[in-house]
Amino acid sequence: MTHGKAARGMRVFLVVWLGQVVSVVGSSLTSFALGLWVYERAGSVTPYALTGLFAVLPSLILSMLAGVLVDRWDRRRVMVLSDTGAGLATLAVALLFLTGRVQVWHIYLATAASAAFSTFQRLAYTAATTQLISKESLGRANGLVQFGQAASEILAPALAGILLLTIKVQGVLLIDFATFLFAVTTLLLVRFQKIGSAAAGRPGEEPLWREVTYGWRYVAARPGLRGLMAFFAVVNFLWGMVGAVIVPMILGFASTDALGVVISIAGGGMLTGSLVMSAWGGPKRRINGVLTFEMLSGLCFLLIGLRPAFWPVAVGAFGAHLTIAIIYGSNQAIWQTKVPPDVQGKVFAAQQMIAASTRPLAYLVAGPLVDRLFEPLLAPGGGLARSVGQIIGVGPGRGIGLLFVVMGALKVGVTLASYLDPRIRRIEDELPVTLAASTAPIAPNTIPATRATKLSKTQSHRRRQGGEETAVVPSLASPVSHSSADQAVKPRRTAQV
């Protein structure tokens, strides 16, 4: 990408990013307000939890199909239509509140509709970034995306609390609708650079079911990406386990005011990490950014669980959330430079489906595990009260503290194991940069690049191209012809999990 194109692409990205940040803040306001309304209206936790379920299920169900359509259609138009659809769903709920006809099931339906549109929007946004940003700026762009998410998590609860007292739920919903209009307007003001079409992405050339499974087949043919996806499936599960129980752990030794402070400090950590990533762009070897900061995150989990005291928990929460933006930005940049732009929708759909599927499992397991195993072990007179309890404490919430310690230790162990896996550690060396459109679908007997490099020196070699060393590996896309995606051309990228 030339300097002029890179500068124009960054300007377009910043316009789109601004619209999306405003929209994310509006959506966070709505999420907070509707969740609170459902809880107060129903008077129990189950209906509130169902709201979260309806927010997750559409992504799990639609991700693979959405990935196919994002690669077939113009991504800017997908974002426009997705934001418009989500905005109309929000407006419909606002009208129900204004007319006094709203029911809890209306919230479930609107939440599911918004989540469905968000599935398309998120994939299109992530894939479109590659069309706009140079390879060197991917880390910074991903940091900016995380900055918007962090800002919404910090601002939304405080703003929503004030707005609910003044303009009620319907007013919050109308503000959210206005933020969708702003996001759509920014998209209408710009144009995205065109990309070529992959053979796998041309409508009518392959059955839909093969396109839907393309992302899985692409990842399965590349052990490095497959290992990285499995690594994040485990990491997301561990995050889900601790995220589901941190509130009762803190309330076991501190007040609700202290809980609010810890949550704010954690949000500050995420904001700080996103600012660092936006300015820095991450380490040159991005896999080091992923593994090093995941290791740090695991140590922060350990710190949170070790003692029932405010400052260790606050420092651990700050550090764990600080790592998120750097890990996310580095990981996304790897995928964005190793997957051809024209098939990123399908491949990222597989990646994000795994990311979305493991946390619900963690939420399902965490509660029973704490209630039936960890808390009894560290209750007064419990099985570990006189051993582990002498270190991390005994009483309410200390079983959850032990869970944090175990999850932190597992995170450190999984990260070390991933570093020892040469497929993951050398993923940036063994997989070529793919910044041009792919030209051939993946064949069933595709030979992965990382495996091909081991077969013989005649089957792979390194070549200097454009001042950058890239691996050129025969037989990546098909046993007969070579995909240009596998022949490492020039840099480019887009933007989670």
Protein backbone atom coordinates (compact mmCIF):
# COMPACT_ATOMS: atom_id res chain seq x y z
CA MET A 1 0.00 0.00 0.00
CA THR A 2 1.52 3.35 -1.07
CA HIS A 3 1.90 6.21 1.42
CA GLY A 4 -0.92 8.18 -0.24
CA LYS A 5 -3.30 5.22 -0.21
CA ALA A 6 -2.37 4.42 3.38
CA ALA A 7 -3.10 8.01 4.47
CA ARG A 8 -6.46 8.04 2.66
CA GLY A 9 -7.34 4.65 4.11
CA MET A 10 -6.54 5.81 7.64
CA ARG A 11 -8.74 8.90 7.19
CA VAL A 12 -11.64 6.75 6.04
CA PHE A 13 -11.08 4.33 8.91
CA LEU A 14 -11.09 7.15 11.47
CA VAL A 15 -14.40 8.47 10.13
CA VAL A 16 -15.96 5.01 10.32
CA TRP A 17 -14.37 4.36 13.72
CA LEU A 18 -15.83 7.56 15.16
CA GLY A 19 -19.30 6.54 14.05
CA GLN A 20 -18.90 3.07 15.51
CA VAL A 21 -17.59 4.38 18.85
CA VAL A 22 -20.61 6.67 19.23
CA SER A 23 -22.90 3.78 18.29
CA VAL A 24 -21.23 1.39 20.77
CA VAL A 25 -21.71 3.89 23.61
CA GLY A 26 -25.39 4.22 22.68
CA SER A 27 -25.83 0.44 22.54
CA SER A 28 -24.15 0.07 25.94
CA LEU A 29 -26.59 2.60 27.39
CA THR A 30 -29.50 0.58 26.00
CA SER A 31 -28.08 -2.72 27.23
CA PHE A 32 -27.70 -1.36 30.76
CA ALA A 33 -31.15 0.29 30.80
CA LEU A 34 -33.06 -2.68 29.37
CA GLY A 35 -31.27 -5.19 31.61
CA LEU A 36 -32.17 -3.14 34.67
CA TRP A 37 -35.77 -2.76 33.50
CA VAL A 38 -36.17 -6.52 32.91
CA TYR A 39 -34.72 -7.33 36.34
CA GLU A 40 -36.99 -4.84 38.13
CA ARG A 41 -40.05 -5.84 36.11
CA ALA A 42 -39.60 -9.61 36.53
CA GLY A 43 -38.21 -9.51 40.05
CA SER A 44 -35.82 -12.44 39.52
CA VAL A 45 -32.42 -13.24 38.03
CA THR A 46 -33.58 -15.78 35.44
CA PRO A 47 -35.37 -13.34 33.06
CA TYR A 48 -32.36 -11.02 33.34
CA ALA A 49 -30.03 -13.89 32.45
CA LEU A 50 -32.24 -14.79 29.49
CA THR A 51 -31.61 -11.32 28.08
CA GLY A 52 -27.91 -12.19 27.94
CA LEU A 53 -28.72 -15.52 26.31
CA PHE A 54 -30.73 -13.81 23.54
CA ALA A 55 -27.77 -11.47 23.01
CA VAL A 56 -25.40 -14.41 22.41
CA LEU A 57 -27.46 -17.03 20.54
CA PRO A 58 -27.87 -15.15 17.22
CA SER A 59 -24.10 -14.83 16.90
CA LEU A 60 -23.63 -18.57 17.42
CA ILE A 61 -26.38 -19.43 14.93
CA LEU A 62 -25.69 -16.86 12.21
CA SER A 63 -21.90 -16.34 12.30
CA MET A 64 -20.99 -18.78 9.52
CA LEU A 65 -23.74 -17.62 7.14
CA ALA A 66 -22.94 -14.00 7.94
CA GLY A 67 -19.29 -14.61 7.05
CA VAL A 68 -20.26 -15.90 3.60
CA LEU A 69 -22.52 -12.92 2.88
CA VAL A 70 -19.97 -10.40 4.18
CA ASP A 71 -17.47 -11.76 1.64
CA ARG A 72 -20.04 -11.76 -1.17
CA TRP A 73 -21.45 -8.28 -0.60
CA ASP A 74 -20.00 -4.79 -0.35
CA ARG A 75 -18.88 -4.51 3.28
CA ARG A 76 -19.74 -0.84 3.67
CA ARG A 77 -23.30 -1.59 2.60
CA VAL A 78 -23.46 -4.52 5.02
CA MET A 79 -22.47 -2.15 7.83
CA VAL A 80 -25.04 0.44 6.72
CA LEU A 81 -27.83 -2.14 6.56
CA SER A 82 -26.80 -3.73 9.86
CA ASP A 83 -26.69 -0.43 11.75
CA THR A 84 -30.00 0.58 10.17
CA GLY A 85 -31.66 -2.70 11.17
CA ALA A 86 -30.36 -2.52 14.74
CA GLY A 87 -31.46 1.11 14.96
CA LEU A 88 -34.99 0.26 13.81
CA ALA A 89 -35.20 -2.55 16.37
CA THR A 90 -34.22 -0.04 19.06
CA LEU A 91 -36.77 2.48 17.78
CA ALA A 92 -39.52 -0.17 17.87
CA VAL A 93 -38.84 -0.87 21.55
CA ALA A 94 -38.78 2.87 22.29
CA LEU A 95 -42.24 3.23 20.72
CA LEU A 96 -43.51 0.33 22.84
CA PHE A 97 -42.28 2.11 25.96
CA LEU A 98 -43.84 5.40 24.84
CA THR A 99 -47.22 3.74 24.28
CA GLY A 100 -47.04 1.69 27.50
CA ARG A 101 -47.35 -1.66 25.70
CA VAL A 102 -43.91 -3.11 26.32
CA GLN A 103 -43.58 -6.64 27.70
CA VAL A 104 -40.50 -8.62 28.73
CA TRP A 105 -40.76 -10.84 25.65
CA HIS A 106 -40.54 -7.71 23.49
CA ILE A 107 -37.12 -7.07 25.01
CA TYR A 108 -36.02 -10.62 24.25
CA LEU A 109 -37.13 -10.27 20.63
CA ALA A 110 -35.50 -6.88 20.14
CA THR A 111 -32.29 -8.07 21.81
CA ALA A 112 -32.13 -11.08 19.48
CA ALA A 113 -32.79 -8.89 16.41
CA SER A 114 -30.10 -6.39 17.40
CA ALA A 115 -27.64 -9.22 18.09
CA ALA A 116 -28.35 -10.71 14.66
CA PHE A 117 -27.64 -7.41 12.91
CA SER A 118 -24.57 -6.94 15.11
CA THR A 119 -23.20 -10.30 13.93
CA PHE A 120 -23.14 -9.04 10.34
CA GLN A 121 -21.89 -5.60 11.32
CA ARG A 122 -19.01 -6.88 13.45
CA LEU A 123 -17.70 -9.22 10.76
CA ALA A 124 -18.00 -6.57 8.05
CA TYR A 125 -16.23 -3.99 10.23
CA THR A 126 -13.38 -6.35 11.07
CA ALA A 127 -12.91 -7.46 7.46
CA ALA A 128 -13.29 -3.95 6.03
CA THR A 129 -10.43 -2.62 8.13
CA THR A 130 -8.03 -4.66 6.00
CA GLN A 131 -9.24 -2.76 2.96
CA LEU A 132 -8.38 0.55 4.63
CA ILE A 133 -5.33 0.11 6.86
CA SER A 134 -1.73 -0.74 6.01
CA LYS A 135 -0.16 -3.78 7.64
CA GLU A 136 2.04 -1.61 9.83
CA SER A 137 -0.96 0.25 11.29
CA LEU A 138 -3.13 -2.76 12.09
CA GLY A 139 -2.13 -2.91 15.75
CA ARG A 140 -2.95 0.77 16.24
CA ALA A 141 -6.29 0.39 14.47
CA ASN A 142 -7.19 -2.57 16.67
CA GLY A 143 -6.18 -0.54 19.71
CA LEU A 144 -8.57 2.21 18.63
CA VAL A 145 -11.39 -0.33 18.31
CA GLN A 146 -10.69 -1.51 21.86
CA PHE A 147 -10.55 2.11 23.04
CA GLY A 148 -14.13 2.58 21.88
CA GLN A 149 -15.20 -0.56 23.72
CA ALA A 150 -13.39 0.51 26.90
CA ALA A 151 -14.85 4.01 26.76
CA SER A 152 -18.37 2.59 26.46
CA GLU A 153 -17.85 0.26 29.43
CA ILE A 154 -16.70 3.17 31.60
CA LEU A 155 -19.22 5.78 30.43
CA ALA A 156 -22.36 3.73 29.91
CA PRO A 157 -23.21 2.70 33.52
CA ALA A 158 -22.71 6.22 34.89
CA LEU A 159 -24.55 7.94 32.03
CA ALA A 160 -27.36 5.40 32.00
CA GLY A 161 -27.95 5.87 35.73
CA ILE A 162 -28.35 9.62 35.28
CA LEU A 163 -30.44 9.35 32.11
CA LEU A 164 -32.83 6.78 33.59
CA LEU A 165 -33.68 9.24 36.37
CA THR A 166 -34.33 12.09 33.93
CA ILE A 167 -35.58 10.80 30.56
CA LYS A 168 -36.47 7.20 31.49
CA VAL A 169 -35.85 4.08 29.42
CA GLN A 170 -37.57 5.41 26.30
CA GLY A 171 -35.29 8.46 26.30
CA VAL A 172 -32.19 6.23 26.50
CA LEU A 173 -33.52 4.17 23.57
CA LEU A 174 -34.08 7.27 21.46
CA ILE A 175 -30.51 8.40 22.18
CA ASP A 176 -29.30 5.00 21.05
CA PHE A 177 -31.35 5.31 17.86
CA ALA A 178 -29.70 8.68 17.21
CA THR A 179 -26.25 7.11 17.63
CA PHE A 180 -27.15 4.51 15.00
CA LEU A 181 -28.14 7.33 12.63
CA PHE A 182 -24.77 8.98 13.28
CA ALA A 183 -22.92 5.73 12.52
CA VAL A 184 -24.88 5.26 9.28
CA THR A 185 -24.16 8.86 8.26
CA THR A 186 -20.39 8.38 8.69
CA LEU A 187 -20.57 5.25 6.52
CA LEU A 188 -22.48 7.07 3.80
CA LEU A 189 -19.79 9.77 3.70
CA VAL A 190 -16.96 7.37 2.77
CA ARG A 191 -16.07 4.72 0.21
CA PHE A 192 -14.07 1.54 0.79
CA GLN A 193 -11.29 0.40 -1.48
CA LYS A 194 -12.39 -2.44 -3.76
CA ILE A 195 -10.90 -5.90 -3.38
CA GLY A 196 -10.85 -8.84 -5.75
CA SER A 197 -13.24 -11.74 -5.36
CA ALA A 198 -12.05 -15.14 -4.30
CA ALA A 199 -13.21 -18.10 -6.27
CA ALA A 200 -14.68 -19.41 -3.05
CA GLY A 201 -16.63 -16.21 -2.63
CA ARG A 202 -18.24 -15.76 -6.04
CA PRO A 203 -21.96 -16.40 -5.78
CA GLY A 204 -23.06 -19.49 -7.64
CA GLU A 205 -19.62 -21.04 -8.16
CA GLU A 206 -19.77 -23.18 -5.01
CA PRO A 207 -22.71 -24.60 -3.06
CA LEU A 208 -23.68 -22.43 -0.11
CA TRP A 209 -22.88 -25.18 2.38
CA ARG A 210 -19.29 -25.33 1.12
CA GLU A 211 -18.93 -21.61 1.49
CA VAL A 212 -20.37 -21.80 5.00
CA THR A 213 -17.70 -24.35 5.97
CA TYR A 214 -14.89 -22.55 4.11
CA GLY A 215 -13.68 -20.73 7.22
CA TRP A 216 -13.31 -23.99 9.15
CA ARG A 217 -11.51 -25.66 6.25
CA TYR A 218 -9.17 -22.70 5.83
CA VAL A 219 -8.17 -22.76 9.50
CA ALA A 220 -7.96 -26.56 9.62
CA ALA A 221 -5.46 -26.50 6.74
CA ARG A 222 -3.13 -24.19 8.69
CA PRO A 223 -1.92 -25.65 12.01
CA GLY A 224 -0.67 -22.28 13.26
CA LEU A 225 -4.07 -20.61 12.94
CA ARG A 226 -5.78 -23.74 14.22
CA GLY A 227 -3.56 -23.75 17.31
CA LEU A 228 -4.10 -20.04 17.89
CA MET A 229 -7.87 -20.50 17.65
CA ALA A 230 -7.77 -23.38 20.14
CA PHE A 231 -5.60 -21.29 22.47
CA PHE A 232 -8.15 -18.47 22.51
CA ALA A 233 -11.02 -20.90 22.98
CA VAL A 234 -9.38 -22.00 26.25
CA VAL A 235 -8.46 -18.45 27.26
CA ASN A 236 -12.01 -17.19 26.65
CA PHE A 237 -13.34 -20.05 28.76
CA LEU A 238 -11.02 -19.07 31.62
CA TRP A 239 -12.11 -15.43 31.34
CA GLY A 240 -15.74 -16.53 31.39
CA MET A 241 -15.17 -18.58 34.54
CA VAL A 242 -13.75 -15.67 36.53
CA GLY A 243 -16.04 -13.06 35.00
CA ALA A 244 -19.11 -14.98 36.15
CA VAL A 245 -18.11 -14.97 39.83
CA ILE A 246 -15.94 -11.93 40.53
CA VAL A 247 -18.83 -9.84 41.88
CA PRO A 248 -19.80 -12.27 44.69
CA MET A 249 -16.10 -12.76 45.49
CA ILE A 250 -15.59 -9.04 46.09
CA LEU A 251 -18.85 -8.73 48.03
CA GLY A 252 -17.56 -11.52 50.30
CA PHE A 253 -15.10 -9.05 51.90
CA ALA A 254 -16.06 -5.56 50.70
CA SER A 255 -19.06 -3.24 50.30
CA THR A 256 -21.01 -2.50 47.14
CA ASP A 257 -19.24 0.88 46.96
CA ALA A 258 -15.88 -0.90 46.89
CA LEU A 259 -17.23 -3.19 44.17
CA GLY A 260 -18.12 -0.16 42.05
CA VAL A 261 -14.63 1.27 42.52
CA VAL A 262 -13.01 -2.03 41.46
CA ILE A 263 -15.18 -2.18 38.34
CA SER A 264 -14.21 1.40 37.47
CA ILE A 265 -10.52 0.61 38.02
CA ALA A 266 -10.83 -2.44 35.75
CA GLY A 267 -12.42 -0.26 33.08
CA GLY A 268 -9.56 2.21 33.52
CA GLY A 269 -7.12 -0.62 32.89
CA MET A 270 -8.85 -1.53 29.64
CA LEU A 271 -8.88 2.13 28.58
CA THR A 272 -5.18 2.48 29.40
CA GLY A 273 -4.32 -0.67 27.44
CA SER A 274 -6.25 0.54 24.41
CA LEU A 275 -4.49 3.91 24.49
CA VAL A 276 -1.11 2.17 24.77
CA MET A 277 -1.96 -0.11 21.85
CA SER A 278 -3.25 2.79 19.74
CA ALA A 279 0.00 4.73 20.24
CA TRP A 280 2.41 1.79 20.19
CA GLY A 281 0.85 -0.62 17.72
CA GLY A 282 2.12 -3.66 19.62
CA PRO A 283 5.39 -5.59 19.36
CA LYS A 284 6.95 -6.28 15.98
CA ARG A 285 6.40 -10.01 16.52
CA ARG A 286 2.73 -9.99 17.30
CA ILE A 287 2.59 -13.52 18.64
CA ASN A 288 4.92 -12.33 21.41
CA GLY A 289 2.38 -9.65 22.24
CA VAL A 290 -0.33 -12.31 22.51
CA LEU A 291 1.61 -14.80 24.63
CA THR A 292 3.52 -12.36 26.86
CA PHE A 293 0.44 -10.40 27.86
CA GLU A 294 -1.67 -13.53 28.30
CA MET A 295 0.99 -14.68 30.75
CA LEU A 296 0.71 -11.35 32.56
CA SER A 297 -3.09 -11.70 32.57
CA GLY A 298 -2.78 -15.13 34.23
CA LEU A 299 -0.54 -13.67 36.93
CA CYS A 300 -3.15 -10.96 37.52
CA PHE A 301 -5.79 -13.67 38.00
CA LEU A 302 -3.54 -15.19 40.68
CA LEU A 303 -3.15 -11.80 42.39
CA ILE A 304 -6.92 -11.24 42.46
CA GLY A 305 -7.54 -14.57 44.17
CA LEU A 306 -4.67 -14.60 46.67
CA ARG A 307 -6.00 -12.31 49.41
CA PRO A 308 -9.43 -10.91 50.40
CA ALA A 309 -8.23 -7.32 50.27
CA PHE A 310 -9.18 -4.31 48.15
CA TRP A 311 -5.83 -3.32 46.67
CA PRO A 312 -4.60 -6.72 45.43
CA VAL A 313 -7.97 -7.26 43.74
CA ALA A 314 -8.01 -3.75 42.26
CA VAL A 315 -4.43 -3.97 40.96
CA GLY A 316 -5.07 -7.43 39.53
CA ALA A 317 -8.30 -6.30 37.83
CA PHE A 318 -6.53 -3.24 36.37
CA GLY A 319 -3.64 -5.35 35.04
CA ALA A 320 -5.84 -8.11 33.60
CA HIS A 321 -8.00 -5.60 31.74
CA LEU A 322 -4.98 -3.61 30.55
CA THR A 323 -3.74 -6.69 28.70
CA ILE A 324 -7.00 -7.17 26.75
CA ALA A 325 -6.43 -4.47 24.13
CA ILE A 326 -2.81 -5.51 23.49
CA ILE A 327 -3.71 -9.18 23.21
CA TYR A 328 -6.74 -8.47 21.01
CA GLY A 329 -4.88 -6.03 18.79
CA SER A 330 -1.91 -8.35 18.29
CA ASN A 331 -4.08 -11.41 17.65
CA GLN A 332 -6.36 -9.63 15.18
CA ALA A 333 -3.38 -8.25 13.29
CA ILE A 334 -2.03 -11.79 12.86
CA TRP A 335 -5.32 -13.02 11.42
CA GLN A 336 -5.76 -9.94 9.26
CA THR A 337 -2.36 -10.38 7.63
CA LYS A 338 -2.53 -14.18 7.27
CA VAL A 339 -6.03 -14.41 5.74
CA PRO A 340 -6.76 -13.01 2.25
CA PRO A 341 -9.05 -9.94 2.46
CA ASP A 342 -11.74 -11.42 0.21
CA VAL A 343 -12.35 -14.46 2.46
CA GLN A 344 -11.89 -12.81 5.83
CA GLY A 345 -15.62 -12.75 6.50
CA LYS A 346 -15.85 -16.54 6.36
CA VAL A 347 -12.64 -17.17 8.28
CA PHE A 348 -13.32 -14.53 10.95
CA ALA A 349 -16.81 -15.99 11.38
CA ALA A 350 -15.27 -19.33 12.37
CA GLN A 351 -12.83 -17.53 14.66
CA GLN A 352 -15.51 -15.44 16.37
CA MET A 353 -17.94 -18.34 16.65
CA ILE A 354 -15.39 -20.21 18.76
CA ALA A 355 -14.82 -17.07 20.84
CA ALA A 356 -18.56 -16.65 21.41
CA SER A 357 -19.24 -20.30 22.24
CA THR A 358 -16.84 -20.93 25.11
CA ARG A 359 -17.95 -18.17 27.48
CA PRO A 360 -21.58 -19.38 27.79
CA LEU A 361 -20.16 -22.78 28.70
CA ALA A 362 -18.05 -21.12 31.40
CA TYR A 363 -21.11 -19.27 32.77
CA LEU A 364 -22.94 -22.59 32.92
CA VAL A 365 -20.13 -24.36 34.79
CA ALA A 366 -18.80 -21.62 37.10
CA GLY A 367 -21.78 -21.33 39.47
CA PRO A 368 -22.21 -25.03 40.31
CA LEU A 369 -18.44 -25.49 40.55
CA VAL A 370 -18.16 -22.68 43.11
CA ASP A 371 -21.24 -23.68 45.12
CA ARG A 372 -20.56 -27.41 45.27
CA LEU A 373 -16.77 -27.61 45.28
CA PHE A 374 -14.67 -24.49 45.84
CA GLU A 375 -16.71 -22.67 48.50
CA PRO A 376 -17.19 -25.78 50.70
CA LEU A 377 -13.45 -26.48 50.50
CA LEU A 378 -12.62 -23.09 52.01
CA ALA A 379 -15.53 -22.74 54.39
CA PRO A 380 -14.58 -22.85 58.10
CA GLY A 381 -13.70 -26.50 58.75
CA GLY A 382 -13.60 -27.26 55.01
CA GLY A 383 -11.22 -29.69 53.36
CA LEU A 384 -8.62 -27.02 52.46
CA ALA A 385 -9.26 -24.60 55.31
CA ARG A 386 -6.10 -25.60 57.22
CA SER A 387 -3.81 -25.73 54.20
CA VAL A 388 -4.67 -23.46 51.28
CA GLY A 389 -6.95 -21.47 53.59
CA GLN A 390 -3.92 -20.34 55.62
CA ILE A 391 -2.67 -18.56 52.50
CA ILE A 392 -5.73 -17.18 50.73
CA GLY A 393 -8.17 -17.05 53.64
CA VAL A 394 -11.30 -18.87 54.79
CA GLY A 395 -14.95 -17.87 54.59
CA PRO A 396 -17.47 -16.47 52.08
CA GLY A 397 -15.90 -15.74 48.71
CA ARG A 398 -12.63 -17.53 49.43
CA GLY A 399 -13.67 -20.51 47.35
CA ILE A 400 -14.06 -18.11 44.46
CA GLY A 401 -10.61 -16.76 45.31
CA LEU A 402 -9.29 -20.30 44.95
CA LEU A 403 -11.05 -20.54 41.58
CA PHE A 404 -9.21 -17.39 40.47
CA VAL A 405 -5.90 -18.91 41.56
CA VAL A 406 -6.64 -22.14 39.67
CA MET A 407 -7.78 -20.27 36.54
CA GLY A 408 -4.69 -18.05 36.69
CA ALA A 409 -2.39 -21.05 37.01
CA LEU A 410 -4.17 -22.75 34.10
CA LYS A 411 -3.79 -19.61 32.01
CA VAL A 412 -0.06 -19.44 32.69
CA GLY A 413 0.27 -23.15 31.90
CA VAL A 414 -1.73 -22.97 28.66
CA THR A 415 0.30 -19.94 27.56
CA LEU A 416 3.61 -21.73 28.23
CA ALA A 417 2.38 -24.80 26.34
CA SER A 418 1.38 -22.61 23.40
CA TYR A 419 4.79 -20.95 23.37
CA LEU A 420 6.43 -24.37 23.27
CA ASP A 421 4.28 -25.30 20.26
CA PRO A 422 6.42 -24.32 17.23
CA ARG A 423 3.30 -23.98 15.03
CA ILE A 424 2.00 -21.18 17.23
CA ARG A 425 5.34 -19.64 18.18
CA ARG A 426 6.48 -19.39 14.54
CA ILE A 427 3.09 -18.60 13.01
CA GLU A 428 4.31 -15.28 11.59
CA ASP A 429 7.33 -16.94 9.95
CA GLU A 430 5.65 -20.03 8.51
CA LEU A 431 2.47 -18.40 7.18
CA PRO A 432 2.94 -15.80 4.44
CA VAL A 433 1.43 -12.33 4.53
CA THR A 434 -1.74 -12.48 2.40
CA LEU A 435 -2.83 -9.05 1.29
CA ALA A 436 -4.16 -9.89 -2.15
CA ALA A 437 -7.36 -11.70 -2.99
CA SER A 438 -7.23 -15.48 -3.03
CA THR A 439 -7.70 -17.13 -6.37
CA ALA A 440 -8.65 -20.70 -5.54
CA PRO A 441 -10.82 -22.46 -2.99
CA ILE A 442 -9.29 -24.76 -0.41
CA ALA A 443 -9.14 -28.32 -1.59
CA PRO A 444 -9.91 -31.18 0.84
CA ASN A 445 -6.34 -32.46 0.64
CA THR A 446 -4.69 -29.09 1.11
CA ILE A 447 -1.20 -29.23 2.55
CA PRO A 448 -0.80 -26.65 5.33
CA ALA A 449 2.01 -24.15 4.93
CA THR A 450 3.55 -25.00 8.28
CA ARG A 451 3.68 -28.68 7.40
CA ALA A 452 4.95 -28.02 3.89
CA THR A 453 7.95 -26.14 5.25
CA LYS A 454 9.08 -29.34 6.93
CA LEU A 455 8.71 -31.61 3.93
CA SER A 456 11.80 -30.50 2.12
CA LYS A 457 13.85 -27.46 1.35
CA THR A 458 12.82 -27.70 -2.26
CA GLN A 459 9.15 -27.36 -1.31
CA SER A 460 9.55 -24.06 0.47
CA HIS A 461 11.96 -21.18 0.35
CA ARG A 462 12.22 -17.64 1.52
CA ARG A 463 12.22 -14.70 -0.78
CA ARG A 464 12.76 -11.02 -0.20
CA GLN A 465 9.81 -9.11 -1.62
CA GLY A 466 9.25 -5.40 -1.24
CA GLY A 467 11.97 -5.19 1.41
CA GLU A 468 10.21 -7.73 3.63
CA GLU A 469 10.97 -11.40 4.09
CA THR A 470 7.99 -13.66 3.42
CA ALA A 471 7.60 -17.39 3.13
CA VAL A 472 6.56 -18.74 -0.25
CA VAL A 473 5.08 -22.20 0.08
CA PRO A 474 3.84 -24.34 -2.81
CA SER A 475 0.64 -26.40 -2.57
CA LEU A 476 -1.19 -24.24 -0.04
CA ALA A 477 -4.47 -23.49 -1.73
CA SER A 478 -4.78 -26.61 -3.83
CA PRO A 479 -2.65 -29.57 -4.88
CA VAL A 480 -2.48 -28.25 -8.44
CA SER A 481 -2.50 -24.47 -8.51
CA HIS A 482 -1.19 -21.88 -6.08
CA SER A 483 -3.45 -19.32 -4.45
CA SER A 484 -2.05 -15.83 -4.61
CA ALA A 485 -3.06 -15.66 -0.96
CA ASP A 486 -0.39 -18.23 -0.26
CA GLN A 487 2.29 -16.51 -2.29
CA ALA A 488 2.86 -13.62 0.11
CA VAL A 489 2.39 -10.43 -1.78
CA LYS A 490 2.13 -6.97 -0.19
CA PRO A 491 0.77 -5.85 3.22
CA ARG A 492 -2.80 -4.83 4.24
CA ARG A 493 -5.47 -5.50 6.98
CA THR A 494 -8.81 -5.17 9.04
CA ALA A 495 -10.62 -5.69 12.33
CA GLN A 496 -13.43 -9.00 18.13
CA VAL A 497 -13.50 -11.92 19.77
